[in-house]
N, C-alpha and C. Protein backbone atom coordinates (compact mmCIF):
# COMPACT_ATOMS: atom_id res chain seq x y z
N MET A 1 108.07 94.02 106.70
CA MET A 1 107.90 92.73 106.04
C MET A 1 108.29 92.88 104.57
N SER A 2 109.31 92.16 104.15
CA SER A 2 109.80 92.29 102.78
C SER A 2 109.19 91.20 101.89
N ILE A 3 109.38 91.38 100.60
CA ILE A 3 108.86 90.41 99.63
C ILE A 3 109.86 89.27 99.51
N CYS A 4 109.46 88.06 99.83
CA CYS A 4 110.31 86.88 99.75
C CYS A 4 109.56 85.76 99.03
N PRO A 5 110.26 84.99 98.20
CA PRO A 5 109.59 83.86 97.59
C PRO A 5 109.27 82.79 98.63
N LYS A 6 108.13 82.12 98.44
CA LYS A 6 107.71 81.09 99.40
C LYS A 6 108.66 79.89 99.35
N ASN A 7 109.02 79.47 98.11
CA ASN A 7 109.93 78.33 97.94
C ASN A 7 111.07 78.74 97.01
N LYS A 8 112.18 78.02 97.11
CA LYS A 8 113.32 78.31 96.26
C LYS A 8 113.05 77.85 94.83
N SER A 9 113.41 78.69 93.86
CA SER A 9 113.32 78.31 92.45
C SER A 9 114.62 77.65 92.04
N SER A 10 114.53 76.52 91.36
CA SER A 10 115.74 75.83 90.92
C SER A 10 116.41 76.61 89.80
N ARG A 11 117.67 76.28 89.54
CA ARG A 11 118.40 76.97 88.49
C ARG A 11 117.77 76.73 87.12
N GLY A 12 117.27 75.52 86.90
CA GLY A 12 116.64 75.21 85.62
C GLY A 12 115.37 76.00 85.39
N ARG A 13 114.54 76.11 86.40
CA ARG A 13 113.29 76.86 86.29
C ARG A 13 113.58 78.35 86.10
N ARG A 14 114.57 78.86 86.84
CA ARG A 14 114.96 80.26 86.73
C ARG A 14 115.49 80.57 85.33
N ASP A 15 116.36 79.70 84.81
CA ASP A 15 116.97 79.95 83.52
C ASP A 15 115.99 79.77 82.37
N LYS A 16 114.99 78.90 82.52
CA LYS A 16 113.95 78.78 81.50
C LYS A 16 113.17 80.07 81.36
N ARG A 17 112.92 80.71 82.47
CA ARG A 17 112.19 81.98 82.46
C ARG A 17 113.03 83.08 81.81
N ARG A 18 114.32 83.06 82.08
CA ARG A 18 115.21 84.08 81.52
C ARG A 18 115.55 83.84 80.05
N ALA A 19 115.28 82.67 79.53
CA ALA A 19 115.64 82.33 78.15
C ALA A 19 114.77 83.05 77.14
N ASN A 20 113.65 83.64 77.55
CA ASN A 20 112.74 84.29 76.62
C ASN A 20 113.09 85.75 76.38
N TRP A 21 114.26 86.21 76.84
CA TRP A 21 114.67 87.60 76.65
C TRP A 21 115.49 87.78 75.38
N LYS A 22 115.42 86.82 74.47
CA LYS A 22 116.23 86.91 73.26
C LYS A 22 115.71 88.02 72.34
N MET A 23 116.58 88.51 71.50
CA MET A 23 116.23 89.59 70.59
C MET A 23 115.50 89.01 69.38
N GLY A 24 114.45 89.67 68.96
CA GLY A 24 113.70 89.23 67.78
C GLY A 24 114.23 89.89 66.52
N ALA A 25 113.79 89.40 65.39
CA ALA A 25 114.21 89.98 64.12
C ALA A 25 113.54 91.34 63.92
N MET A 26 114.25 92.23 63.23
CA MET A 26 113.71 93.56 62.98
C MET A 26 112.52 93.47 62.03
N ASN A 27 111.55 94.34 62.26
CA ASN A 27 110.39 94.42 61.38
C ASN A 27 110.70 95.43 60.28
N LEU A 28 110.69 95.00 59.03
CA LEU A 28 111.00 95.87 57.91
C LEU A 28 109.77 96.02 57.02
N VAL A 29 109.58 97.23 56.49
CA VAL A 29 108.49 97.52 55.57
C VAL A 29 109.08 98.16 54.32
N LYS A 30 108.31 98.16 53.24
CA LYS A 30 108.76 98.80 52.00
C LYS A 30 108.50 100.29 52.06
N CYS A 31 109.43 101.06 51.56
CA CYS A 31 109.26 102.52 51.47
C CYS A 31 108.17 102.81 50.45
N SER A 32 107.27 103.74 50.79
CA SER A 32 106.15 104.03 49.88
C SER A 32 106.61 104.81 48.65
N LYS A 33 107.79 105.42 48.70
CA LYS A 33 108.26 106.23 47.58
C LYS A 33 109.19 105.45 46.66
N CYS A 34 110.22 104.77 47.25
CA CYS A 34 111.21 104.10 46.40
C CYS A 34 111.13 102.57 46.47
N GLY A 35 110.44 102.02 47.47
CA GLY A 35 110.28 100.57 47.57
C GLY A 35 111.40 99.86 48.30
N ALA A 36 112.36 100.60 48.84
CA ALA A 36 113.45 99.96 49.59
C ALA A 36 112.95 99.52 50.96
N LEU A 37 113.60 98.50 51.53
CA LEU A 37 113.22 98.04 52.86
C LEU A 37 113.74 99.01 53.91
N MET A 38 112.89 99.34 54.88
CA MET A 38 113.27 100.28 55.94
C MET A 38 112.52 99.94 57.20
N MET A 39 112.96 100.48 58.32
CA MET A 39 112.25 100.29 59.58
C MET A 39 111.03 101.20 59.59
N PRO A 40 109.89 100.74 60.14
CA PRO A 40 108.69 101.57 60.12
C PRO A 40 108.83 102.82 60.98
N HIS A 41 108.15 103.88 60.59
CA HIS A 41 108.11 105.17 61.30
C HIS A 41 109.47 105.83 61.38
N ARG A 42 110.29 105.64 60.34
CA ARG A 42 111.59 106.28 60.28
C ARG A 42 111.84 106.78 58.86
N VAL A 43 112.75 107.71 58.71
CA VAL A 43 113.10 108.24 57.40
C VAL A 43 113.83 107.16 56.61
N CYS A 44 113.47 107.02 55.35
CA CYS A 44 114.10 106.03 54.47
C CYS A 44 115.55 106.44 54.21
N LYS A 45 116.48 105.49 54.38
CA LYS A 45 117.90 105.80 54.15
C LYS A 45 118.23 105.87 52.67
N ALA A 46 117.42 105.22 51.83
CA ALA A 46 117.71 105.19 50.40
C ALA A 46 117.31 106.49 49.70
N CYS A 47 116.11 107.00 50.01
CA CYS A 47 115.64 108.21 49.31
C CYS A 47 115.42 109.40 50.23
N GLY A 48 115.48 109.23 51.54
CA GLY A 48 115.35 110.35 52.47
C GLY A 48 113.93 110.84 52.65
N SER A 49 112.94 110.00 52.36
CA SER A 49 111.55 110.45 52.47
C SER A 49 110.87 109.79 53.66
N TYR A 50 109.84 110.46 54.15
CA TYR A 50 108.99 109.93 55.22
C TYR A 50 107.57 110.36 54.91
N ASN A 51 106.64 109.41 54.88
CA ASN A 51 105.24 109.70 54.60
C ASN A 51 105.07 110.37 53.24
N LYS A 52 105.80 109.86 52.25
CA LYS A 52 105.79 110.34 50.85
C LYS A 52 106.26 111.78 50.69
N LYS A 53 106.96 112.32 51.68
CA LYS A 53 107.53 113.67 51.59
C LYS A 53 109.03 113.56 51.79
N GLU A 54 109.80 114.33 51.00
CA GLU A 54 111.25 114.31 51.14
C GLU A 54 111.65 115.11 52.38
N ILE A 55 112.29 114.46 53.30
CA ILE A 55 112.72 115.09 54.56
C ILE A 55 114.20 115.44 54.50
N VAL A 56 115.00 114.49 54.02
CA VAL A 56 116.45 114.65 53.96
C VAL A 56 116.88 114.47 52.52
N SER A 57 117.74 115.37 52.04
CA SER A 57 118.23 115.21 50.67
C SER A 57 119.37 114.19 50.67
N VAL A 58 119.25 113.18 49.84
CA VAL A 58 120.25 112.12 49.73
C VAL A 58 120.94 112.25 48.39
N ASP A 59 122.27 112.36 48.43
CA ASP A 59 123.03 112.53 47.17
C ASP A 59 123.67 111.24 46.76
């Protein structure tokens, strides 16, 4: 016995459900060392620091 829908879903109902898969805006936070905007939990591209420690040297 397989899984089957009881009634057919119309194209409009199906597409309304699929319309919520859009991409959201990125969440940006300020770097604690230099103040530049960066993605959270990642090394800052401007100064190369993470958690107030220099991880990568940026020239």
